[in-house]
């Protein structure tokens, strides 16, 4: 791995997985939210949080071209970050905000 840059076209690294667990832990407290990870055909990893009741994607986070992207489909916002920690912070903020818009409110 290049200093300061995440790997290209590889699955999440162990340190990235540790960071993603912050997101997973928060959403697991709400039984109606689900966390799922996979990768594109090109090898770029992604994770989504979706509302089980509506199957709506609430937050999508991915590593594309060595940068992290947070997408919030309900308001069509895309945020690009250099670190996964800041992407997770953004995803958590958006997830909390979205909780009131989906069946996750409660």
C-alpha atoms as a PDB file:
ATOM      1  CA  UNK A   1       0.000   0.000   0.000  1.00  0.00           C
ATOM      2  CA  UNK A   2       1.275   3.451  -0.852  1.00  0.00           C
ATOM      3  CA  UNK A   3       1.739   5.724   2.141  1.00  0.00           C
ATOM      4  CA  UNK A   4      -1.449   7.673   2.742  1.00  0.00           C
ATOM      5  CA  UNK A   5      -3.406   5.979  -0.029  1.00  0.00           C
ATOM      6  CA  UNK A   6      -5.736   2.996   0.254  1.00  0.00           C
ATOM      7  CA  UNK A   7      -5.169   0.052  -2.066  1.00  0.00           C
ATOM      8  CA  UNK A   8      -6.706   0.024  -5.512  1.00  0.00           C
ATOM      9  CA  UNK A   9      -9.042  -2.694  -6.736  1.00  0.00           C
ATOM     10  CA  UNK A  10      -8.787  -4.852  -3.611  1.00  0.00           C
ATOM     11  CA  UNK A  11     -11.216  -5.920  -0.948  1.00  0.00           C
ATOM     12  CA  UNK A  12     -11.359  -3.938   2.302  1.00  0.00           C
ATOM     13  CA  UNK A  13      -8.141  -4.158   4.309  1.00  0.00           C
ATOM     14  CA  UNK A  14      -8.138  -5.276   7.944  1.00  0.00           C
ATOM     15  CA  UNK A  15      -7.775  -1.684   9.146  1.00  0.00           C
ATOM     16  CA  UNK A  16     -10.637  -0.617   6.871  1.00  0.00           C
ATOM     17  CA  UNK A  17     -12.789  -3.459   8.210  1.00  0.00           C
ATOM     18  CA  UNK A  18     -12.107  -2.273  11.740  1.00  0.00           C
ATOM     19  CA  UNK A  19     -13.301   1.182  10.763  1.00  0.00           C
ATOM     20  CA  UNK A  20     -16.381  -0.242   9.008  1.00  0.00           C
ATOM     21  CA  UNK A  21     -17.269  -2.059  12.211  1.00  0.00           C
ATOM     22  CA  UNK A  22     -18.044   1.337  13.767  1.00  0.00           C
ATOM     23  CA  UNK A  23     -20.821   1.705  11.216  1.00  0.00           C
ATOM     24  CA  UNK A  24     -21.973  -1.909  11.577  1.00  0.00           C
ATOM     25  CA  UNK A  25     -22.106  -1.675  15.374  1.00  0.00           C
ATOM     26  CA  UNK A  26     -24.250   1.444  15.285  1.00  0.00           C
ATOM     27  CA  UNK A  27     -26.776   0.116  12.808  1.00  0.00           C
ATOM     28  CA  UNK A  28     -27.027  -3.307  14.449  1.00  0.00           C
ATOM     29  CA  UNK A  29     -28.669  -1.590  17.419  1.00  0.00           C
ATOM     30  CA  UNK A  30     -31.657  -1.017  15.134  1.00  0.00           C
ATOM     31  CA  UNK A  31     -33.141  -4.359  14.137  1.00  0.00           C
ATOM     32  CA  UNK A  32     -34.733  -2.838  11.039  1.00  0.00           C
ATOM     33  CA  UNK A  33     -31.406  -1.780   9.509  1.00  0.00           C
ATOM     34  CA  UNK A  34     -29.084  -4.101   7.650  1.00  0.00           C
ATOM     35  CA  UNK A  35     -25.403  -3.751   6.769  1.00  0.00           C
ATOM     36  CA  UNK A  36     -24.072  -5.454   3.630  1.00  0.00           C
ATOM     37  CA  UNK A  37     -20.666  -5.420   1.933  1.00  0.00           C
ATOM     38  CA  UNK A  38     -19.443  -6.687  -1.422  1.00  0.00           C
ATOM     39  CA  UNK A  39     -17.335  -5.450  -4.332  1.00  0.00           C
ATOM     40  CA  UNK A  40     -17.834  -4.426  -7.943  1.00  0.00           C
ATOM     41  CA  UNK A  41     -16.747  -6.582 -10.865  1.00  0.00           C
ATOM     42  CA  UNK A  42     -13.688  -4.329 -11.074  1.00  0.00           C
ATOM     43  CA  UNK A  43     -12.815  -5.110  -7.443  1.00  0.00           C
ATOM     44  CA  UNK A  44     -13.821  -1.854  -5.754  1.00  0.00           C
ATOM     45  CA  UNK A  45     -15.325  -2.643  -2.321  1.00  0.00           C
ATOM     46  CA  UNK A  46     -18.605  -1.173  -1.120  1.00  0.00           C
ATOM     47  CA  UNK A  47     -20.982  -1.386   1.830  1.00  0.00           C
ATOM     48  CA  UNK A  48     -24.569  -0.312   2.166  1.00  0.00           C
ATOM     49  CA  UNK A  49     -26.997   0.243   4.997  1.00  0.00           C
ATOM     50  CA  UNK A  50     -30.570  -0.404   4.039  1.00  0.00           C
ATOM     51  CA  UNK A  51     -33.938  -0.326   5.695  1.00  0.00           C
ATOM     52  CA  UNK A  52     -35.255  -3.895   5.883  1.00  0.00           C
ATOM     53  CA  UNK A  53     -38.902  -2.795   5.819  1.00  0.00           C
ATOM     54  CA  UNK A  54     -38.654  -0.760   2.612  1.00  0.00           C
ATOM     55  CA  UNK A  55     -35.396  -2.209   1.233  1.00  0.00           C
ATOM     56  CA  UNK A  56     -34.349   1.409   0.622  1.00  0.00           C
ATOM     57  CA  UNK A  57     -30.629   2.109   0.664  1.00  0.00           C
ATOM     58  CA  UNK A  58     -29.961   4.712   3.339  1.00  0.00           C
ATOM     59  CA  UNK A  59     -26.176   5.018   3.067  1.00  0.00           C
ATOM     60  CA  UNK A  60     -23.720   3.631   0.507  1.00  0.00           C
ATOM     61  CA  UNK A  61     -19.987   3.794   1.146  1.00  0.00           C
ATOM     62  CA  UNK A  62     -17.309   2.657  -1.304  1.00  0.00           C
ATOM     63  CA  UNK A  63     -13.640   2.914  -2.168  1.00  0.00           C
ATOM     64  CA  UNK A  64     -13.232   4.034  -5.779  1.00  0.00           C
ATOM     65  CA  UNK A  65      -9.933   5.095  -7.327  1.00  0.00           C
ATOM     66  CA  UNK A  66      -8.258   5.129  -3.905  1.00  0.00           C
ATOM     67  CA  UNK A  67     -10.786   7.564  -2.476  1.00  0.00           C
ATOM     68  CA  UNK A  68     -13.814   6.947  -0.310  1.00  0.00           C
ATOM     69  CA  UNK A  69     -17.287   7.888  -1.432  1.00  0.00           C
ATOM     70  CA  UNK A  70     -20.404   8.249   0.711  1.00  0.00           C
ATOM     71  CA  UNK A  71     -23.704   8.342  -1.152  1.00  0.00           C
ATOM     72  CA  UNK A  72     -27.061   9.122   0.430  1.00  0.00           C
ATOM     73  CA  UNK A  73     -29.618   8.088  -2.187  1.00  0.00           C
ATOM     74  CA  UNK A  74     -32.645   9.685  -0.509  1.00  0.00           C
ATOM     75  CA  UNK A  75     -31.234  13.153  -1.158  1.00  0.00           C
ATOM     76  CA  UNK A  76     -28.803  12.320  -3.990  1.00  0.00           C
ATOM     77  CA  UNK A  77     -25.734  13.564  -2.139  1.00  0.00           C
ATOM     78  CA  UNK A  78     -22.239  12.307  -2.901  1.00  0.00           C
ATOM     79  CA  UNK A  79     -19.341  13.114  -0.602  1.00  0.00           C
ATOM     80  CA  UNK A  80     -15.756  12.129  -1.367  1.00  0.00           C
ATOM     81  CA  UNK A  81     -13.192  11.768   1.415  1.00  0.00           C
ATOM     82  CA  UNK A  82      -9.524  10.893   1.660  1.00  0.00           C
ATOM     83  CA  UNK A  83      -9.854   8.730   4.778  1.00  0.00           C
ATOM     84  CA  UNK A  84     -12.264   5.970   5.621  1.00  0.00           C
ATOM     85  CA  UNK A  85     -12.628   7.371   9.151  1.00  0.00           C
ATOM     86  CA  UNK A  86     -14.079  10.599   7.777  1.00  0.00           C
ATOM     87  CA  UNK A  87     -16.282   8.633   5.364  1.00  0.00           C
ATOM     88  CA  UNK A  88     -17.625   6.561   8.262  1.00  0.00           C
ATOM     89  CA  UNK A  89     -18.228   9.711  10.313  1.00  0.00           C
ATOM     90  CA  UNK A  90     -20.177  11.154   7.395  1.00  0.00           C
ATOM     91  CA  UNK A  91     -22.085   7.895   6.847  1.00  0.00           C
ATOM     92  CA  UNK A  92     -23.037   7.757  10.542  1.00  0.00           C
ATOM     93  CA  UNK A  93     -24.251  11.342  10.461  1.00  0.00           C
ATOM     94  CA  UNK A  94     -26.328  10.637   7.359  1.00  0.00           C
ATOM     95  CA  UNK A  95     -27.631   7.381   8.828  1.00  0.00           C
ATOM     96  CA  UNK A  96     -28.794   9.179  11.977  1.00  0.00           C
ATOM     97  CA  UNK A  97     -30.391  11.889   9.862  1.00  0.00           C
ATOM     98  CA  UNK A  98     -32.114   9.331   7.630  1.00  0.00           C
ATOM     99  CA  UNK A  99     -33.476   7.360  10.580  1.00  0.00           C
ATOM    100  CA  UNK A 100     -36.334   9.831  10.810  1.00  0.00           C
ATOM    101  CA  UNK A 101     -37.172   9.526   7.100  1.00  0.00           C
ATOM    102  CA  UNK A 102     -37.415   5.748   6.944  1.00  0.00           C
ATOM    103  CA  UNK A 103     -39.063   3.112   9.103  1.00  0.00           C
ATOM    104  CA  UNK A 104     -35.936   3.171  11.280  1.00  0.00           C
ATOM    105  CA  UNK A 105     -37.385   5.913  13.410  1.00  0.00           C
ATOM    106  CA  UNK A 106     -38.301   4.570  16.751  1.00  0.00           C
END
